[in-house]
Amino acid sequence: MARFTDAEVLAQIEEHYEQTGHMPSVRQLRDSLGFASTSTVQHHLDRLVADGSLIRAETTGPGAYHRYRFPE
């Protein structure tokens, strides 16, 4: 099982954003990091929100799974 720090997960999110112009979904992160479960990704995302590295965005409708953004 892959083990990554929150900083490494954030770096993956930043890389995806730079390449595509949008935040990765939880499933995209799971796949790119090699995690077996989306819940592991969610734990990292929750910690990144708690420390202020990401902000949980209020989104609805198509693309709502891209529900995080970078602080301004």
N, C-alpha and C. Protein backbone atom coordinates (compact mmCIF):
# COMPACT_ATOMS: atom_id res chain seq x y z
N MET A 1 0.85 -1.18 0.00
CA MET A 1 0.00 0.00 0.00
C MET A 1 0.89 1.24 0.00
N ALA A 2 0.53 2.20 -0.83
CA ALA A 2 1.29 3.44 -0.93
C ALA A 2 1.06 4.31 0.30
N ARG A 3 2.11 4.98 0.72
CA ARG A 3 1.99 5.93 1.83
C ARG A 3 2.55 7.26 1.37
N PHE A 4 1.75 8.29 1.55
CA PHE A 4 2.15 9.63 1.15
C PHE A 4 1.88 10.59 2.28
N THR A 5 2.68 11.64 2.36
CA THR A 5 2.40 12.70 3.32
C THR A 5 1.36 13.63 2.72
N ASP A 6 0.78 14.46 3.57
CA ASP A 6 -0.18 15.44 3.07
C ASP A 6 0.48 16.37 2.05
N ALA A 7 1.74 16.71 2.28
CA ALA A 7 2.46 17.58 1.36
C ALA A 7 2.60 16.93 -0.02
N GLU A 8 2.82 15.63 -0.06
CA GLU A 8 2.93 14.92 -1.34
C GLU A 8 1.57 14.86 -2.05
N VAL A 9 0.51 14.69 -1.27
CA VAL A 9 -0.83 14.69 -1.86
C VAL A 9 -1.14 16.08 -2.42
N LEU A 10 -0.80 17.12 -1.66
CA LEU A 10 -1.02 18.48 -2.13
C LEU A 10 -0.21 18.74 -3.40
N ALA A 11 1.01 18.25 -3.47
CA ALA A 11 1.83 18.42 -4.67
C ALA A 11 1.17 17.75 -5.88
N GLN A 12 0.56 16.60 -5.67
CA GLN A 12 -0.15 15.91 -6.76
C GLN A 12 -1.36 16.72 -7.22
N ILE A 13 -2.07 17.31 -6.27
CA ILE A 13 -3.22 18.16 -6.59
C ILE A 13 -2.76 19.37 -7.41
N GLU A 14 -1.68 20.01 -6.96
CA GLU A 14 -1.15 21.18 -7.67
C GLU A 14 -0.71 20.81 -9.08
N GLU A 15 -0.05 19.68 -9.23
CA GLU A 15 0.41 19.23 -10.55
C GLU A 15 -0.77 19.00 -11.48
N HIS A 16 -1.80 18.33 -10.97
CA HIS A 16 -3.00 18.08 -11.79
C HIS A 16 -3.65 19.41 -12.20
N TYR A 17 -3.73 20.34 -11.25
CA TYR A 17 -4.34 21.64 -11.53
C TYR A 17 -3.56 22.40 -12.60
N GLU A 18 -2.23 22.37 -12.50
CA GLU A 18 -1.40 23.06 -13.48
C GLU A 18 -1.57 22.45 -14.88
N GLN A 19 -1.74 21.14 -14.94
CA GLN A 19 -1.85 20.46 -16.24
C GLN A 19 -3.24 20.58 -16.86
N THR A 20 -4.29 20.63 -16.02
CA THR A 20 -5.65 20.55 -16.56
C THR A 20 -6.48 21.82 -16.35
N GLY A 21 -6.09 22.65 -15.39
CA GLY A 21 -6.86 23.85 -15.10
C GLY A 21 -8.01 23.62 -14.15
N HIS A 22 -8.13 22.41 -13.61
CA HIS A 22 -9.17 22.15 -12.60
C HIS A 22 -8.65 21.18 -11.56
N MET A 23 -9.32 21.16 -10.43
CA MET A 23 -8.92 20.28 -9.34
C MET A 23 -9.25 18.83 -9.69
N PRO A 24 -8.42 17.90 -9.23
CA PRO A 24 -8.73 16.49 -9.49
C PRO A 24 -9.87 16.01 -8.61
N SER A 25 -10.58 15.01 -9.08
CA SER A 25 -11.61 14.38 -8.25
C SER A 25 -10.92 13.46 -7.24
N VAL A 26 -11.66 13.04 -6.25
CA VAL A 26 -11.14 12.11 -5.25
C VAL A 26 -10.70 10.82 -5.94
N ARG A 27 -11.49 10.35 -6.89
CA ARG A 27 -11.13 9.12 -7.61
C ARG A 27 -9.87 9.30 -8.46
N GLN A 28 -9.73 10.45 -9.08
CA GLN A 28 -8.51 10.72 -9.86
C GLN A 28 -7.29 10.71 -8.94
N LEU A 29 -7.42 11.30 -7.77
CA LEU A 29 -6.32 11.30 -6.81
C LEU A 29 -6.01 9.88 -6.34
N ARG A 30 -7.05 9.12 -6.04
CA ARG A 30 -6.86 7.73 -5.62
C ARG A 30 -6.04 6.98 -6.67
N ASP A 31 -6.43 7.12 -7.92
CA ASP A 31 -5.76 6.40 -9.00
C ASP A 31 -4.32 6.88 -9.20
N SER A 32 -4.11 8.19 -9.19
CA SER A 32 -2.77 8.71 -9.46
C SER A 32 -1.80 8.42 -8.32
N LEU A 33 -2.32 8.31 -7.10
CA LEU A 33 -1.46 8.03 -5.94
C LEU A 33 -1.35 6.54 -5.64
N GLY A 34 -2.21 5.74 -6.26
CA GLY A 34 -2.14 4.30 -6.05
C GLY A 34 -2.81 3.82 -4.78
N PHE A 35 -3.72 4.62 -4.24
CA PHE A 35 -4.45 4.19 -3.05
C PHE A 35 -5.52 3.18 -3.43
N ALA A 36 -5.86 2.30 -2.50
CA ALA A 36 -6.89 1.29 -2.75
C ALA A 36 -8.29 1.87 -2.54
N SER A 37 -8.40 2.93 -1.77
CA SER A 37 -9.71 3.43 -1.37
C SER A 37 -9.78 4.95 -1.45
N THR A 38 -10.96 5.46 -1.78
CA THR A 38 -11.15 6.91 -1.80
C THR A 38 -11.17 7.48 -0.38
N SER A 39 -11.47 6.66 0.62
CA SER A 39 -11.51 7.17 1.99
C SER A 39 -10.13 7.62 2.45
N THR A 40 -9.08 6.96 1.97
CA THR A 40 -7.72 7.39 2.31
C THR A 40 -7.45 8.77 1.74
N VAL A 41 -7.86 8.99 0.50
CA VAL A 41 -7.71 10.31 -0.12
C VAL A 41 -8.50 11.34 0.69
N GLN A 42 -9.71 10.98 1.08
CA GLN A 42 -10.56 11.91 1.82
C GLN A 42 -9.92 12.31 3.15
N HIS A 43 -9.26 11.39 3.81
CA HIS A 43 -8.57 11.72 5.07
C HIS A 43 -7.48 12.76 4.82
N HIS A 44 -6.72 12.58 3.75
CA HIS A 44 -5.69 13.57 3.41
C HIS A 44 -6.34 14.92 3.09
N LEU A 45 -7.40 14.92 2.30
CA LEU A 45 -8.07 16.17 1.95
C LEU A 45 -8.61 16.88 3.20
N ASP A 46 -9.19 16.12 4.12
CA ASP A 46 -9.70 16.71 5.35
C ASP A 46 -8.59 17.38 6.15
N ARG A 47 -7.42 16.75 6.21
CA ARG A 47 -6.30 17.35 6.93
C ARG A 47 -5.78 18.59 6.20
N LEU A 48 -5.76 18.55 4.86
CA LEU A 48 -5.31 19.72 4.10
C LEU A 48 -6.27 20.90 4.28
N VAL A 49 -7.55 20.62 4.41
CA VAL A 49 -8.53 21.67 4.70
C VAL A 49 -8.31 22.20 6.12
N ALA A 50 -8.10 21.31 7.06
CA ALA A 50 -7.91 21.71 8.46
C ALA A 50 -6.68 22.60 8.64
N ASP A 51 -5.61 22.33 7.86
CA ASP A 51 -4.41 23.16 8.03
C ASP A 51 -4.39 24.38 7.10
N GLY A 52 -5.46 24.57 6.31
CA GLY A 52 -5.58 25.77 5.48
C GLY A 52 -4.95 25.66 4.10
N SER A 53 -4.44 24.48 3.74
CA SER A 53 -3.82 24.32 2.42
C SER A 53 -4.84 24.25 1.30
N LEU A 54 -6.05 23.79 1.63
CA LEU A 54 -7.17 23.74 0.68
C LEU A 54 -8.40 24.31 1.36
N ILE A 55 -9.35 24.73 0.55
CA ILE A 55 -10.64 25.22 1.05
C ILE A 55 -11.71 24.36 0.41
N ARG A 56 -12.65 23.94 1.22
CA ARG A 56 -13.79 23.18 0.70
C ARG A 56 -14.71 24.16 -0.01
N ALA A 57 -14.92 23.95 -1.30
CA ALA A 57 -15.75 24.84 -2.11
C ALA A 57 -17.21 24.40 -2.04
N GLU A 58 -18.09 25.34 -2.05
CA GLU A 58 -19.53 25.06 -2.07
C GLU A 58 -19.95 24.97 -3.52
N THR A 59 -20.06 23.76 -4.05
CA THR A 59 -20.44 23.59 -5.45
C THR A 59 -21.60 22.61 -5.57
N THR A 60 -22.36 22.80 -6.60
CA THR A 60 -23.46 21.89 -6.92
C THR A 60 -23.49 21.70 -8.42
N GLY A 61 -24.23 20.72 -8.88
CA GLY A 61 -24.39 20.50 -10.31
C GLY A 61 -23.22 19.76 -10.93
N PRO A 62 -23.12 19.80 -12.26
CA PRO A 62 -22.06 19.09 -12.95
C PRO A 62 -20.68 19.53 -12.46
N GLY A 63 -19.81 18.58 -12.25
CA GLY A 63 -18.46 18.90 -11.77
C GLY A 63 -18.38 19.16 -10.29
N ALA A 64 -19.44 18.89 -9.55
CA ALA A 64 -19.46 19.18 -8.12
C ALA A 64 -18.43 18.36 -7.35
N TYR A 65 -17.93 17.29 -7.96
CA TYR A 65 -16.92 16.50 -7.26
C TYR A 65 -15.59 17.22 -7.17
N HIS A 66 -15.42 18.31 -7.92
CA HIS A 66 -14.23 19.15 -7.79
C HIS A 66 -14.52 20.16 -6.69
N ARG A 67 -14.63 19.71 -5.48
CA ARG A 67 -15.17 20.55 -4.43
C ARG A 67 -14.14 21.18 -3.52
N TYR A 68 -12.92 21.26 -4.00
CA TYR A 68 -11.86 21.93 -3.23
C TYR A 68 -11.23 22.99 -4.08
N ARG A 69 -10.66 23.99 -3.42
CA ARG A 69 -9.94 25.03 -4.16
C ARG A 69 -8.77 25.47 -3.30
N PHE A 70 -7.86 26.21 -3.90
CA PHE A 70 -6.71 26.73 -3.18
C PHE A 70 -7.12 28.02 -2.47
N PRO A 71 -6.54 28.31 -1.33
CA PRO A 71 -6.81 29.59 -0.66
C PRO A 71 -6.33 30.74 -1.56
N GLU A 72 -6.98 31.85 -1.43
CA GLU A 72 -6.59 33.01 -2.24
C GLU A 72 -5.56 33.85 -1.52
